Amino acid sequence: MILDPTSLVNTLDNVNQKLLVGESISEGKGLETARWIASRQGGKGSYRGMFAPTAHDFEGGIHVFTGEKLTSASARHIMGEEAARTVWMLGRQDAEAMDAYDRATAWMSSGEVSFEDGTYCCGRCTLAFWRHYWVGDFPDKEELISKGLRAMKSHRLGDGKWRRFPFYYAIYTLLGIELEPARQELMYAGAVMERLSRTSRSGVFSQRRQLIIEKALARL
């Protein structure tokens, strides 16, 4: 199962799990999922007309793929960015999905909001923004995200972690960005990741985090 019609959070988790472990998503399942997410564009609880979590998500709690919990506007924004990323990846050849994607992302290119320093809002919102921006068809994305990564560097705590940027979601985001500044931030976190890689824990989020760390270490 990929699509969970009761939950945007679960649907995104299912897609990202497949991608993380290298399993393919059939064209039919991908299109079904992209169109369902597209149907949530501009729905109740959406951020700036992006893709809305479901009532079940709001009632049960919202989290990112690596398990960090989200609340308020950041939850709606991050889910919107993650959903837009998924629609682009799975439904790029479908007019219905892309019409919804264009409406959901119109604010990002309207000039209404500035992304000049490569960040947006808080650290975790910035990570979701980068994940979407990196795969999408946005102009000068490498330059913009590189600026953001320099800002991230300025938030280093000196112990392999950062202020503002939640550790596991940060590693997951950096893993997907093929830029040298992203690899440098992974190198900065290398000792922490080495230590964590030797700690085995049960639970779905722990298992995801472990695999993400293993893949990130392989990039160093």
C-alpha atoms as a PDB file:
ATOM      1  CA  MET A   1       0.000   0.000   0.000  1.00  0.00           C
ATOM      2  CA  ILE A   2       1.158   3.512  -0.836  1.00  0.00           C
ATOM      3  CA  LEU A   3      -1.981   5.614  -0.792  1.00  0.00           C
ATOM      4  CA  ASP A   4      -3.759   5.979   2.543  1.00  0.00           C
ATOM      5  CA  PRO A   5      -6.924   7.965   1.767  1.00  0.00           C
ATOM      6  CA  THR A   6      -7.330   8.837   5.449  1.00  0.00           C
ATOM      7  CA  SER A   7      -3.905  10.430   5.842  1.00  0.00           C
ATOM      8  CA  LEU A   8      -1.595  12.678   3.862  1.00  0.00           C
ATOM      9  CA  VAL A   9       1.112  12.053   6.473  1.00  0.00           C
ATOM     10  CA  ASN A  10       0.942   8.271   6.059  1.00  0.00           C
ATOM     11  CA  THR A  11       0.796   8.518   2.272  1.00  0.00           C
ATOM     12  CA  LEU A  12       3.938  10.670   2.175  1.00  0.00           C
ATOM     13  CA  ASP A  13       5.659   8.317   4.616  1.00  0.00           C
ATOM     14  CA  ASN A  14       4.800   5.344   2.399  1.00  0.00           C
ATOM     15  CA  VAL A  15       6.216   7.045  -0.692  1.00  0.00           C
ATOM     16  CA  ASN A  16       9.373   8.146   1.093  1.00  0.00           C
ATOM     17  CA  GLN A  17       9.893   4.697   2.583  1.00  0.00           C
ATOM     18  CA  LYS A  18       9.811   3.157  -0.879  1.00  0.00           C
ATOM     19  CA  LEU A  19      12.311   5.704  -2.155  1.00  0.00           C
ATOM     20  CA  LEU A  20      14.592   5.285   0.864  1.00  0.00           C
ATOM     21  CA  VAL A  21      14.948   1.526   0.463  1.00  0.00           C
ATOM     22  CA  GLY A  22      15.198   1.722  -3.330  1.00  0.00           C
ATOM     23  CA  GLU A  23      11.892   0.071  -4.174  1.00  0.00           C
ATOM     24  CA  SER A  24      10.166   1.145  -7.372  1.00  0.00           C
ATOM     25  CA  ILE A  25       6.707   2.680  -7.470  1.00  0.00           C
ATOM     26  CA  SER A  26       4.643   1.547 -10.428  1.00  0.00           C
ATOM     27  CA  GLU A  27       3.362   4.179 -12.822  1.00  0.00           C
ATOM     28  CA  GLY A  28      -0.227   3.338 -11.904  1.00  0.00           C
ATOM     29  CA  LYS A  29       0.292   3.523  -8.146  1.00  0.00           C
ATOM     30  CA  GLY A  30       2.349   6.681  -8.526  1.00  0.00           C
ATOM     31  CA  LEU A  31      -0.314   8.407 -10.600  1.00  0.00           C
ATOM     32  CA  GLU A  32      -3.080   7.308  -8.218  1.00  0.00           C
ATOM     33  CA  THR A  33      -1.133   8.757  -5.314  1.00  0.00           C
ATOM     34  CA  ALA A  34      -0.237  11.988  -7.103  1.00  0.00           C
ATOM     35  CA  ARG A  35      -3.848  12.613  -8.122  1.00  0.00           C
ATOM     36  CA  TRP A  36      -5.123  11.960  -4.603  1.00  0.00           C
ATOM     37  CA  ILE A  37      -2.614  14.402  -3.141  1.00  0.00           C
ATOM     38  CA  ALA A  38      -3.517  16.870  -5.898  1.00  0.00           C
ATOM     39  CA  SER A  39      -7.163  16.641  -4.854  1.00  0.00           C
ATOM     40  CA  ARG A  40      -6.154  18.112  -1.484  1.00  0.00           C
ATOM     41  CA  GLN A  41      -4.816  21.314  -3.022  1.00  0.00           C
ATOM     42  CA  GLY A  42      -6.267  24.376  -1.300  1.00  0.00           C
ATOM     43  CA  GLY A  43      -8.279  22.268   1.161  1.00  0.00           C
ATOM     44  CA  LYS A  44      -9.123  23.171   4.725  1.00  0.00           C
ATOM     45  CA  GLY A  45      -5.950  23.566   6.727  1.00  0.00           C
ATOM     46  CA  SER A  46      -3.689  24.028   3.713  1.00  0.00           C
ATOM     47  CA  TYR A  47      -0.802  26.478   3.844  1.00  0.00           C
ATOM     48  CA  ARG A  48      -0.999  29.215   1.197  1.00  0.00           C
ATOM     49  CA  GLY A  49      -3.202  27.002  -0.960  1.00  0.00           C
ATOM     50  CA  MET A  50      -0.819  24.047  -0.898  1.00  0.00           C
ATOM     51  CA  PHE A  51      -1.898  20.473  -0.100  1.00  0.00           C
ATOM     52  CA  ALA A  52      -3.888  19.975   3.091  1.00  0.00           C
ATOM     53  CA  PRO A  53      -3.405  17.258   5.692  1.00  0.00           C
ATOM     54  CA  THR A  54      -6.558  15.291   6.470  1.00  0.00           C
ATOM     55  CA  ALA A  55      -8.779  15.587   9.533  1.00  0.00           C
ATOM     56  CA  HIS A  56      -7.220  12.327  10.728  1.00  0.00           C
ATOM     57  CA  ASP A  57      -3.766  13.909  10.499  1.00  0.00           C
ATOM     58  CA  PHE A  58      -4.771  16.956  12.507  1.00  0.00           C
ATOM     59  CA  GLU A  59      -6.432  14.800  15.143  1.00  0.00           C
ATOM     60  CA  GLY A  60      -3.661  12.209  15.425  1.00  0.00           C
ATOM     61  CA  GLY A  61      -0.657  14.490  15.093  1.00  0.00           C
ATOM     62  CA  ILE A  62       1.635  15.399  12.221  1.00  0.00           C
ATOM     63  CA  HIS A  63       5.267  14.381  11.840  1.00  0.00           C
ATOM     64  CA  VAL A  64       7.970  14.365   9.202  1.00  0.00           C
ATOM     65  CA  PHE A  65       9.365  11.133   7.779  1.00  0.00           C
ATOM     66  CA  THR A  66      12.137  10.985  10.385  1.00  0.00           C
ATOM     67  CA  GLY A  67       9.648  11.260  13.239  1.00  0.00           C
ATOM     68  CA  GLU A  68       9.961  14.840  14.481  1.00  0.00           C
ATOM     69  CA  LYS A  69       6.529  16.117  15.469  1.00  0.00           C
ATOM     70  CA  LEU A  70       5.062  19.272  13.941  1.00  0.00           C
ATOM     71  CA  THR A  71       2.464  21.750  15.107  1.00  0.00           C
ATOM     72  CA  SER A  72       0.577  24.841  13.904  1.00  0.00           C
ATOM     73  CA  ALA A  73       1.567  26.678  10.710  1.00  0.00           C
ATOM     74  CA  SER A  74       4.880  24.861  10.351  1.00  0.00           C
ATOM     75  CA  ALA A  75       3.035  21.525  10.201  1.00  0.00           C
ATOM     76  CA  ARG A  76       0.789  22.776   7.415  1.00  0.00           C
ATOM     77  CA  HIS A  77       3.678  24.339   5.504  1.00  0.00           C
ATOM     78  CA  ILE A  78       6.008  21.343   5.777  1.00  0.00           C
ATOM     79  CA  MET A  79       3.295  18.908   4.733  1.00  0.00           C
ATOM     80  CA  GLY A  80       2.508  21.213   1.814  1.00  0.00           C
ATOM     81  CA  GLU A  81       6.139  21.237   0.662  1.00  0.00           C
ATOM     82  CA  GLU A  82       6.550  17.486   1.102  1.00  0.00           C
ATOM     83  CA  ALA A  83       3.290  16.855  -0.743  1.00  0.00           C
ATOM     84  CA  ALA A  84       4.272  19.185  -3.586  1.00  0.00           C
ATOM     85  CA  ARG A  85       7.585  17.351  -3.880  1.00  0.00           C
ATOM     86  CA  THR A  86       5.747  14.039  -4.145  1.00  0.00           C
ATOM     87  CA  VAL A  87       3.236  15.295  -6.713  1.00  0.00           C
ATOM     88  CA  TRP A  88       6.105  16.580  -8.842  1.00  0.00           C
ATOM     89  CA  MET A  89       7.990  13.310  -8.622  1.00  0.00           C
ATOM     90  CA  LEU A  90       5.032  10.978  -9.242  1.00  0.00           C
ATOM     91  CA  GLY A  91       2.659  13.043 -11.369  1.00  0.00           C
ATOM     92  CA  ARG A  92       4.849  15.267 -13.508  1.00  0.00           C
ATOM     93  CA  GLN A  93       3.436  13.823 -16.741  1.00  0.00           C
ATOM     94  CA  ASP A  94      -0.204  14.186 -15.653  1.00  0.00           C
ATOM     95  CA  ALA A  95      -2.082  17.392 -16.498  1.00  0.00           C
ATOM     96  CA  GLU A  96      -4.527  17.047 -13.593  1.00  0.00           C
ATOM     97  CA  ALA A  97      -1.788  16.640 -11.012  1.00  0.00           C
ATOM     98  CA  MET A  98       0.346  19.400 -12.474  1.00  0.00           C
ATOM     99  CA  ASP A  99      -2.514  21.877 -12.614  1.00  0.00           C
ATOM    100  CA  ALA A 100      -2.952  21.390  -8.868  1.00  0.00           C
ATOM    101  CA  TYR A 101       0.816  21.592  -8.354  1.00  0.00           C
ATOM    102  CA  ASP A 102       0.990  24.896 -10.211  1.00  0.00           C
ATOM    103  CA  ARG A 103      -1.805  26.351  -8.103  1.00  0.00           C
ATOM    104  CA  ALA A 104      -0.216  25.059  -4.902  1.00  0.00           C
ATOM    105  CA  THR A 105       3.185  26.558  -5.677  1.00  0.00           C
ATOM    106  CA  ALA A 106       2.142  29.829  -7.337  1.00  0.00           C
ATOM    107  CA  TRP A 107       3.010  31.793  -4.185  1.00  0.00           C
ATOM    108  CA  MET A 108       6.601  30.541  -4.336  1.00  0.00           C
ATOM    109  CA  SER A 109       7.294  32.365  -7.598  1.00  0.00           C
ATOM    110  CA  SER A 110       4.958  35.337  -7.147  1.00  0.00           C
ATOM    111  CA  GLY A 111       7.543  37.574  -5.508  1.00  0.00           C
ATOM    112  CA  GLU A 112       5.278  37.827  -2.475  1.00  0.00           C
ATOM    113  CA  VAL A 113       7.847  35.953  -0.382  1.00  0.00           C
ATOM    114  CA  SER A 114      11.605  36.370  -0.642  1.00  0.00           C
ATOM    115  CA  PHE A 115      13.905  33.351  -0.588  1.00  0.00           C
ATOM    116  CA  GLU A 116      17.018  35.431  -1.290  1.00  0.00           C
ATOM    117  CA  ASP A 117      19.074  34.022   1.581  1.00  0.00           C
ATOM    118  CA  GLY A 118      18.091  30.452   0.736  1.00  0.00           C
ATOM    119  CA  THR A 119      15.991  29.902   3.842  1.00  0.00           C
ATOM    120  CA  TYR A 120      12.316  30.162   4.702  1.00  0.00           C
ATOM    121  CA  CYS A 121      10.790  30.708   8.125  1.00  0.00           C
ATOM    122  CA  CYS A 122      12.226  28.323  10.759  1.00  0.00           C
ATOM    123  CA  GLY A 123      14.896  25.649  10.358  1.00  0.00           C
ATOM    124  CA  ARG A 124      12.528  22.753   9.851  1.00  0.00           C
ATOM    125  CA  CYS A 125      10.426  24.719   7.338  1.00  0.00           C
ATOM    126  CA  THR A 126      13.648  25.521   5.493  1.00  0.00           C
ATOM    127  CA  LEU A 127      14.534  21.838   5.266  1.00  0.00           C
ATOM    128  CA  ALA A 128      11.149  20.991   3.726  1.00  0.00           C
ATOM    129  CA  PHE A 129      11.512  23.938   1.367  1.00  0.00           C
ATOM    130  CA  TRP A 130      14.931  22.668   0.235  1.00  0.00           C
ATOM    131  CA  ARG A 131      13.643  19.111  -0.274  1.00  0.00           C
ATOM    132  CA  HIS A 132      10.925  20.371  -2.583  1.00  0.00           C
ATOM    133  CA  TYR A 133      12.968  23.086  -4.273  1.00  0.00           C
ATOM    134  CA  TRP A 134      15.837  20.716  -5.084  1.00  0.00           C
ATOM    135  CA  VAL A 135      13.723  18.277  -7.117  1.00  0.00           C
ATOM    136  CA  GLY A 136      11.386  20.868  -8.672  1.00  0.00           C
ATOM    137  CA  ASP A 137      11.838  22.974 -11.776  1.00  0.00           C
ATOM    138  CA  PHE A 138      12.892  26.171 -10.040  1.00  0.00           C
ATOM    139  CA  PRO A 139      15.366  28.697 -11.477  1.00  0.00           C
ATOM    140  CA  ASP A 140      18.813  29.063  -9.878  1.00  0.00           C
ATOM    141  CA  LYS A 141      17.991  26.416  -7.293  1.00  0.00           C
ATOM    142  CA  GLU A 142      21.585  25.297  -6.809  1.00  0.00           C
ATOM    143  CA  GLU A 143      22.716  28.857  -6.062  1.00  0.00           C
ATOM    144  CA  LEU A 144      19.793  29.531  -3.738  1.00  0.00           C
ATOM    145  CA  ILE A 145      20.146  26.300  -1.742  1.00  0.00           C
ATOM    146  CA  SER A 146      23.903  26.827  -1.520  1.00  0.00           C
ATOM    147  CA  LYS A 147      23.198  30.183   0.123  1.00  0.00           C
ATOM    148  CA  GLY A 148      20.860  28.449   2.533  1.00  0.00           C
ATOM    149  CA  LEU A 149      23.479  25.843   3.366  1.00  0.00           C
ATOM    150  CA  ARG A 150      25.935  28.602   4.218  1.00  0.00           C
ATOM    151  CA  ALA A 151      23.306  29.945   6.597  1.00  0.00           C
ATOM    152  CA  MET A 152      22.943  26.462   8.061  1.00  0.00           C
ATOM    153  CA  LYS A 153      26.700  26.335   8.635  1.00  0.00           C
ATOM    154  CA  SER A 154      26.441  29.492  10.721  1.00  0.00           C
ATOM    155  CA  HIS A 155      24.066  27.613  13.043  1.00  0.00           C
ATOM    156  CA  ARG A 156      26.523  24.843  13.904  1.00  0.00           C
ATOM    157  CA  LEU A 157      26.691  24.141  17.626  1.00  0.00           C
ATOM    158  CA  GLY A 158      30.155  22.619  17.413  1.00  0.00           C
ATOM    159  CA  ASP A 159      29.060  19.141  18.477  1.00  0.00           C
ATOM    160  CA  GLY A 160      27.846  17.851  15.116  1.00  0.00           C
ATOM    161  CA  LYS A 161      24.383  19.359  15.445  1.00  0.00           C
ATOM    162  CA  TRP A 162      22.766  22.680  14.611  1.00  0.00           C
ATOM    163  CA  ARG A 163      20.570  25.327  16.177  1.00  0.00           C
ATOM    164  CA  ARG A 164      17.127  25.536  14.541  1.00  0.00           C
ATOM    165  CA  PHE A 165      17.615  22.456  12.336  1.00  0.00           C
ATOM    166  CA  PRO A 166      16.295  19.160  13.815  1.00  0.00           C
ATOM    167  CA  PHE A 167      19.096  16.632  13.469  1.00  0.00           C
ATOM    168  CA  TYR A 168      17.519  13.632  11.720  1.00  0.00           C
ATOM    169  CA  TYR A 169      15.359  15.643   9.342  1.00  0.00           C
ATOM    170  CA  ALA A 170      18.437  17.726   8.551  1.00  0.00           C
ATOM    171  CA  ILE A 171      20.516  14.636   7.710  1.00  0.00           C
ATOM    172  CA  TYR A 172      17.657  13.264   5.591  1.00  0.00           C
ATOM    173  CA  THR A 173      17.430  16.549   3.706  1.00  0.00           C
ATOM    174  CA  LEU A 174      21.187  16.890   3.174  1.00  0.00           C
ATOM    175  CA  LEU A 175      21.334  13.311   1.907  1.00  0.00           C
ATOM    176  CA  GLY A 176      19.089  14.231  -1.015  1.00  0.00           C
ATOM    177  CA  ILE A 177      20.929  17.405  -2.078  1.00  0.00           C
ATOM    178  CA  GLU A 178      23.816  16.801  -4.453  1.00  0.00           C
ATOM    179  CA  LEU A 179      25.843  19.905  -3.643  1.00  0.00           C
ATOM    180  CA  GLU A 180      29.266  20.124  -2.044  1.00  0.00           C
ATOM    181  CA  PRO A 181      28.044  22.406   0.805  1.00  0.00           C
ATOM    182  CA  ALA A 182      25.488  19.711   1.695  1.00  0.00           C
ATOM    183  CA  ARG A 183      28.228  17.090   1.860  1.00  0.00           C
ATOM    184  CA  GLN A 184      30.278  19.431   4.052  1.00  0.00           C
ATOM    185  CA  GLU A 185      27.404  19.667   6.532  1.00  0.00           C
ATOM    186  CA  LEU A 186      27.169  15.868   6.527  1.00  0.00           C
ATOM    187  CA  MET A 187      30.893  15.707   7.215  1.00  0.00           C
ATOM    188  CA  TYR A 188      30.435  18.103  10.124  1.00  0.00           C
ATOM    189  CA  ALA A 189      27.843  15.695  11.561  1.00  0.00           C
ATOM    190  CA  GLY A 190      29.956  12.642  10.752  1.00  0.00           C
ATOM    191  CA  ALA A 191      31.160  11.803  14.284  1.00  0.00           C
ATOM    192  CA  VAL A 192      27.613  12.013  15.656  1.00  0.00           C
ATOM    193  CA  MET A 193      26.321   9.808  12.871  1.00  0.00           C
ATOM    194  CA  GLU A 194      29.105   7.268  13.450  1.00  0.00           C
ATOM    195  CA  ARG A 195      28.133   7.030  17.099  1.00  0.00           C
ATOM    196  CA  LEU A 196      24.429   6.756  16.338  1.00  0.00           C
ATOM    197  CA  SER A 197      25.044   4.095  13.697  1.00  0.00           C
ATOM    198  CA  ARG A 198      26.335   1.786  16.429  1.00  0.00           C
ATOM    199  CA  THR A 199      23.120   2.133  18.428  1.00  0.00           C
ATOM    200  CA  SER A 200      20.362  -0.275  17.433  1.00  0.00           C
ATOM    201  CA  ARG A 201      16.784   0.545  18.434  1.00  0.00           C
ATOM    202  CA  SER A 202      13.386  -0.808  17.476  1.00  0.00           C
ATOM    203  CA  GLY A 203      10.505   1.162  16.048  1.00  0.00           C
ATOM    204  CA  VAL A 204       9.724   2.471  12.590  1.00  0.00           C
ATOM    205  CA  PHE A 205      11.285   5.908  13.080  1.00  0.00           C
ATOM    206  CA  SER A 206      14.447   4.447  14.602  1.00  0.00           C
ATOM    207  CA  GLN A 207      14.825   2.066  11.687  1.00  0.00           C
ATOM    208  CA  ARG A 208      14.348   4.864   9.176  1.00  0.00           C
ATOM    209  CA  ARG A 209      16.851   7.051  10.974  1.00  0.00           C
ATOM    210  CA  GLN A 210      19.371   4.221  11.060  1.00  0.00           C
ATOM    211  CA  LEU A 211      19.121   3.639   7.318  1.00  0.00           C
ATOM    212  CA  ILE A 212      19.325   7.372   6.595  1.00  0.00           C
ATOM    213  CA  ILE A 213      22.473   7.647   8.695  1.00  0.00           C
ATOM    214  CA  GLU A 214      24.028   4.645   6.969  1.00  0.00           C
ATOM    215  CA  LYS A 215      23.357   6.198   3.568  1.00  0.00           C
ATOM    216  CA  ALA A 216      24.656   9.585   4.716  1.00  0.00           C
ATOM    217  CA  LEU A 217      27.873   8.058   6.054  1.00  0.00           C
ATOM    218  CA  ALA A 218      28.402   6.365   2.703  1.00  0.00           C
ATOM    219  CA  ARG A 219      28.514   9.803   1.076  1.00  0.00           C
ATOM    220  CA  LEU A 220      31.427  10.995   3.188  1.00  0.00           C
END
